Amino acid sequence: MDYEKMDADFLAIKSLFESGIITKMQTLEEQAPTKIAKALGLQYYSYLDKLKEPNKFTFKHIFKIAELCQLNPDLIYNVIKSQYTS
């Protein structure tokens, strides 16, 4: 993976997921929300709504976030799933 070419905001998100700091999707509210919303093809407030109720994220959204941040999509899915099973 070429981290030098990776967007700094997406690299930060990757680090937060991989280190286990993100335990709720709403934590992403302060991590380049406009940039991610645009990349997902969502309106800003629609993205914020999905962060509050992450079961509204589609698999397409999860895989897109994973692609942008060079993450295993399972890391994102597991965070979402844990919000509804704990």
C-alpha atoms as a PDB file:
ATOM      1  CA  MET A   1       0.000   0.000   0.000  1.00  0.00           C
ATOM      2  CA  ASP A   2       1.245   3.409  -0.932  1.00  0.00           C
ATOM      3  CA  TYR A   3       0.565   5.558   2.122  1.00  0.00           C
ATOM      4  CA  GLU A   4       2.459   8.554   0.689  1.00  0.00           C
ATOM      5  CA  LYS A   5      -0.229   9.015  -1.981  1.00  0.00           C
ATOM      6  CA  MET A   6      -3.096   8.371   0.412  1.00  0.00           C
ATOM      7  CA  ASP A   7      -5.174  11.356   1.553  1.00  0.00           C
ATOM      8  CA  ALA A   8      -4.135  12.364   5.098  1.00  0.00           C
ATOM      9  CA  ASP A   9      -7.734  12.374   6.351  1.00  0.00           C
ATOM     10  CA  PHE A  10      -8.348   8.861   5.056  1.00  0.00           C
ATOM     11  CA  LEU A  11      -5.045   7.688   6.506  1.00  0.00           C
ATOM     12  CA  ALA A  12      -6.114   9.078   9.897  1.00  0.00           C
ATOM     13  CA  ILE A  13      -9.423   7.200   9.675  1.00  0.00           C
ATOM     14  CA  LYS A  14      -7.568   4.011   8.736  1.00  0.00           C
ATOM     15  CA  SER A  15      -5.390   4.405  11.809  1.00  0.00           C
ATOM     16  CA  LEU A  16      -8.397   5.013  14.075  1.00  0.00           C
ATOM     17  CA  PHE A  17     -10.142   1.852  12.867  1.00  0.00           C
ATOM     18  CA  GLU A  18      -7.031  -0.336  12.965  1.00  0.00           C
ATOM     19  CA  SER A  19      -6.097   0.789  16.469  1.00  0.00           C
ATOM     20  CA  GLY A  20      -9.600   0.086  17.769  1.00  0.00           C
ATOM     21  CA  ILE A  21     -10.246   3.702  18.752  1.00  0.00           C
ATOM     22  CA  ILE A  22     -13.429   3.788  16.689  1.00  0.00           C
ATOM     23  CA  THR A  23     -16.038   1.812  18.591  1.00  0.00           C
ATOM     24  CA  LYS A  24     -19.005   3.805  17.263  1.00  0.00           C
ATOM     25  CA  MET A  25     -19.404   5.147  13.757  1.00  0.00           C
ATOM     26  CA  GLN A  26     -20.428   8.529  15.151  1.00  0.00           C
ATOM     27  CA  THR A  27     -16.770   9.005  16.121  1.00  0.00           C
ATOM     28  CA  LEU A  28     -16.187   9.716  12.415  1.00  0.00           C
ATOM     29  CA  GLU A  29     -18.266  12.891  12.675  1.00  0.00           C
ATOM     30  CA  GLU A  30     -15.077  14.879  13.284  1.00  0.00           C
ATOM     31  CA  GLN A  31     -12.974  13.100  10.657  1.00  0.00           C
ATOM     32  CA  ALA A  32     -13.401  14.937   7.327  1.00  0.00           C
ATOM     33  CA  PRO A  33     -17.190  14.453   7.150  1.00  0.00           C
ATOM     34  CA  THR A  34     -17.655  16.650   4.072  1.00  0.00           C
ATOM     35  CA  LYS A  35     -14.939  14.803   2.165  1.00  0.00           C
ATOM     36  CA  ILE A  36     -16.332  11.364   3.022  1.00  0.00           C
ATOM     37  CA  ALA A  37     -19.933  12.367   2.324  1.00  0.00           C
ATOM     38  CA  LYS A  38     -18.917  13.633  -1.107  1.00  0.00           C
ATOM     39  CA  ALA A  39     -16.907  10.474  -1.845  1.00  0.00           C
ATOM     40  CA  LEU A  40     -19.933   8.352  -0.891  1.00  0.00           C
ATOM     41  CA  GLY A  41     -22.246  10.451  -3.046  1.00  0.00           C
ATOM     42  CA  LEU A  42     -24.229  11.557   0.006  1.00  0.00           C
ATOM     43  CA  GLN A  43     -25.392  14.917   1.224  1.00  0.00           C
ATOM     44  CA  TYR A  44     -23.518  16.113   4.314  1.00  0.00           C
ATOM     45  CA  TYR A  45     -26.486  15.743   6.686  1.00  0.00           C
ATOM     46  CA  SER A  46     -27.438  12.379   5.223  1.00  0.00           C
ATOM     47  CA  TYR A  47     -23.939  11.137   6.042  1.00  0.00           C
ATOM     48  CA  LEU A  48     -24.167  12.494   9.604  1.00  0.00           C
ATOM     49  CA  ASP A  49     -27.539  10.759   9.991  1.00  0.00           C
ATOM     50  CA  LYS A  50     -25.993   7.457   8.905  1.00  0.00           C
ATOM     51  CA  LEU A  51     -23.192   7.896  11.446  1.00  0.00           C
ATOM     52  CA  LYS A  52     -25.831   8.213  14.180  1.00  0.00           C
ATOM     53  CA  GLU A  53     -27.772   5.217  12.827  1.00  0.00           C
ATOM     54  CA  PRO A  54     -25.082   3.178  11.057  1.00  0.00           C
ATOM     55  CA  ASN A  55     -27.464   0.367  10.132  1.00  0.00           C
ATOM     56  CA  LYS A  56     -28.522   2.796   7.365  1.00  0.00           C
ATOM     57  CA  PHE A  57     -25.134   2.407   5.660  1.00  0.00           C
ATOM     58  CA  THR A  58     -25.362   0.148   2.628  1.00  0.00           C
ATOM     59  CA  PHE A  59     -22.700  -2.429   1.848  1.00  0.00           C
ATOM     60  CA  LYS A  60     -21.741  -0.159  -1.053  1.00  0.00           C
ATOM     61  CA  HIS A  61     -21.014   2.651   1.434  1.00  0.00           C
ATOM     62  CA  ILE A  62     -19.028   0.345   3.719  1.00  0.00           C
ATOM     63  CA  PHE A  63     -16.908  -0.946   0.848  1.00  0.00           C
ATOM     64  CA  LYS A  64     -16.343   2.597  -0.465  1.00  0.00           C
ATOM     65  CA  ILE A  65     -15.135   3.823   2.939  1.00  0.00           C
ATOM     66  CA  ALA A  66     -12.898   0.756   3.155  1.00  0.00           C
ATOM     67  CA  GLU A  67     -11.495   1.458  -0.310  1.00  0.00           C
ATOM     68  CA  LEU A  68     -10.833   5.128   0.440  1.00  0.00           C
ATOM     69  CA  CYS A  69      -9.075   4.291   3.704  1.00  0.00           C
ATOM     70  CA  GLN A  70      -7.392   1.096   2.472  1.00  0.00           C
ATOM     71  CA  LEU A  71      -9.139  -0.880   5.194  1.00  0.00           C
ATOM     72  CA  ASN A  72     -10.593  -4.343   5.465  1.00  0.00           C
ATOM     73  CA  PRO A  73     -14.368  -3.706   5.196  1.00  0.00           C
ATOM     74  CA  ASP A  74     -14.885  -6.169   8.057  1.00  0.00           C
ATOM     75  CA  LEU A  75     -13.387  -3.619  10.466  1.00  0.00           C
ATOM     76  CA  ILE A  76     -16.131  -1.139   9.567  1.00  0.00           C
ATOM     77  CA  TYR A  77     -18.871  -3.767   9.511  1.00  0.00           C
ATOM     78  CA  ASN A  78     -17.824  -5.091  12.929  1.00  0.00           C
ATOM     79  CA  VAL A  79     -18.023  -1.605  14.451  1.00  0.00           C
ATOM     80  CA  ILE A  80     -21.528  -1.173  13.016  1.00  0.00           C
ATOM     81  CA  LYS A  81     -22.593  -4.654  14.124  1.00  0.00           C
ATOM     82  CA  SER A  82     -21.256  -4.127  17.657  1.00  0.00           C
ATOM     83  CA  GLN A  83     -23.456  -1.041  18.060  1.00  0.00           C
ATOM     84  CA  TYR A  84     -26.533  -3.243  17.680  1.00  0.00           C
ATOM     85  CA  THR A  85     -25.427  -6.328  19.582  1.00  0.00           C
ATOM     86  CA  SER A  86     -24.079  -4.782  22.762  1.00  0.00           C
END
